[in-house]
C-alpha atoms as a PDB file:
ATOM      1  CA  MET A   1       0.069  -0.277  -0.099  1.00  0.00           C
ATOM      2  CA  ALA A   2       1.473   3.469  -1.017  1.00  0.00           C
ATOM      3  CA  LEU A   3       2.270   6.024   1.924  1.00  0.00           C
ATOM      4  CA  PRO A   4       3.178   9.536   1.534  1.00  0.00           C
ATOM      5  CA  LYS A   5       6.777  10.357   2.227  1.00  0.00           C
ATOM      6  CA  LYS A   6       5.912  13.718   3.835  1.00  0.00           C
ATOM      7  CA  LYS A   7       3.092  15.310   5.730  1.00  0.00           C
ATOM      8  CA  THR A   8       0.841  17.455   3.596  1.00  0.00           C
ATOM      9  CA  ALA A   9       0.597  21.060   4.859  1.00  0.00           C
ATOM     10  CA  LYS A  10      -2.684  22.439   5.854  1.00  0.00           C
ATOM     11  CA  SER A  11      -2.236  25.528   3.380  1.00  0.00           C
ATOM     12  CA  ARG A  12      -1.569  22.847   0.297  1.00  0.00           C
ATOM     13  CA  GLN A  13      -4.685  21.132   1.382  1.00  0.00           C
ATOM     14  CA  GLY A  14      -6.542  24.326   1.592  1.00  0.00           C
ATOM     15  CA  LYS A  15      -5.344  24.969  -1.961  1.00  0.00           C
ATOM     16  CA  ARG A  16      -6.578  21.651  -3.188  1.00  0.00           C
ATOM     17  CA  ARG A  17      -9.820  21.984  -1.747  1.00  0.00           C
ATOM     18  CA  SER A  18     -10.421  25.497  -2.494  1.00  0.00           C
ATOM     19  CA  HIS A  19     -13.288  24.764  -5.022  1.00  0.00           C
ATOM     20  CA  LEU A  20     -15.092  22.572  -2.578  1.00  0.00           C
ATOM     21  CA  LYS A  21     -17.300  25.170  -1.016  1.00  0.00           C
ATOM     22  CA  LEU A  22     -20.861  25.655  -0.604  1.00  0.00           C
ATOM     23  CA  SER A  23     -22.785  28.529  -2.504  1.00  0.00           C
ATOM     24  CA  LEU A  24     -26.202  30.077  -2.108  1.00  0.00           C
ATOM     25  CA  PRO A  25     -29.106  28.904  -4.129  1.00  0.00           C
ATOM     26  CA  ALA A  26     -29.898  31.154  -7.152  1.00  0.00           C
ATOM     27  CA  MET A  27     -32.740  33.487  -5.803  1.00  0.00           C
ATOM     28  CA  ASP A  28     -35.368  34.935  -8.385  1.00  0.00           C
ATOM     29  CA  VAL A  29     -37.946  37.582  -8.073  1.00  0.00           C
ATOM     30  CA  CYS A  30     -41.612  36.585  -8.537  1.00  0.00           C
ATOM     31  CA  PRO A  31     -43.065  38.730 -11.182  1.00  0.00           C
ATOM     32  CA  HIS A  32     -46.440  38.711  -9.489  1.00  0.00           C
ATOM     33  CA  CYS A  33     -45.815  39.686  -5.936  1.00  0.00           C
ATOM     34  CA  HIS A  34     -42.037  40.808  -6.377  1.00  0.00           C
ATOM     35  CA  SER A  35     -40.940  38.459  -3.311  1.00  0.00           C
ATOM     36  CA  PRO A  36     -37.671  36.316  -3.479  1.00  0.00           C
ATOM     37  CA  LYS A  37     -38.017  32.546  -4.556  1.00  0.00           C
ATOM     38  CA  LEU A  38     -36.146  29.992  -5.757  1.00  0.00           C
ATOM     39  CA  SER A  39     -35.737  29.681  -9.609  1.00  0.00           C
ATOM     40  CA  HIS A  40     -38.067  27.332 -11.539  1.00  0.00           C
ATOM     41  CA  ARG A  41     -40.233  26.987  -8.439  1.00  0.00           C
ATOM     42  CA  VAL A  42     -43.719  28.004  -7.347  1.00  0.00           C
ATOM     43  CA  CYS A  43     -43.696  31.146  -5.248  1.00  0.00           C
ATOM     44  CA  PRO A  44     -44.448  30.265  -1.756  1.00  0.00           C
ATOM     45  CA  GLN A  45     -46.142  33.846  -1.100  1.00  0.00           C
ATOM     46  CA  CYS A  46     -48.547  34.135  -3.888  1.00  0.00           C
ATOM     47  CA  GLY A  47     -48.555  30.604  -5.396  1.00  0.00           C
ATOM     48  CA  TRP A  48     -47.778  31.777  -9.162  1.00  0.00           C
ATOM     49  CA  TYR A  49     -45.767  30.092 -11.451  1.00  0.00           C
ATOM     50  CA  ASN A  50     -45.126  30.893 -15.203  1.00  0.00           C
ATOM     51  CA  ASP A  51     -47.719  33.783 -15.148  1.00  0.00           C
ATOM     52  CA  ARG A  52     -50.617  31.642 -13.733  1.00  0.00           C
ATOM     53  CA  GLU A  53     -51.799  30.808 -10.238  1.00  0.00           C
ATOM     54  CA  THR A  54     -50.765  27.123  -9.687  1.00  0.00           C
ATOM     55  CA  ILE A  55     -51.502  26.634  -6.123  1.00  0.00           C
ATOM     56  CA  GLU A  56     -53.880  28.353  -3.728  1.00  0.00           C
ATOM     57  CA  VAL A  57     -52.093  29.867  -0.827  1.00  0.00           C
ATOM     58  CA  LYS A  58     -54.131  30.026   2.530  1.00  0.00           C
ATOM     59  CA  PRO A  59     -53.489  32.966   4.828  1.00  0.00           C
ATOM     60  CA  SER A  60     -51.574  32.573   7.814  1.00  0.00           C
ATOM     61  CA  LYS A  61     -53.387  32.338  11.263  1.00  0.00           C
ATOM     62  CA  LYS A  62     -51.345  34.908  13.118  1.00  0.00           C
END
């Protein structure tokens, strides 16, 4: 079994893993109610998608 000759430095390890980071999901603006929503998904605030109402959103009980 192969073993490394020398210990890998933390900076070198960090350089190798520089592209392995989390990114925020791409957010869009709902054209109907102008609230932020995920792309290609129904708006959770108004229930509209692709210029039509797809689900009926009930008002909260607050």
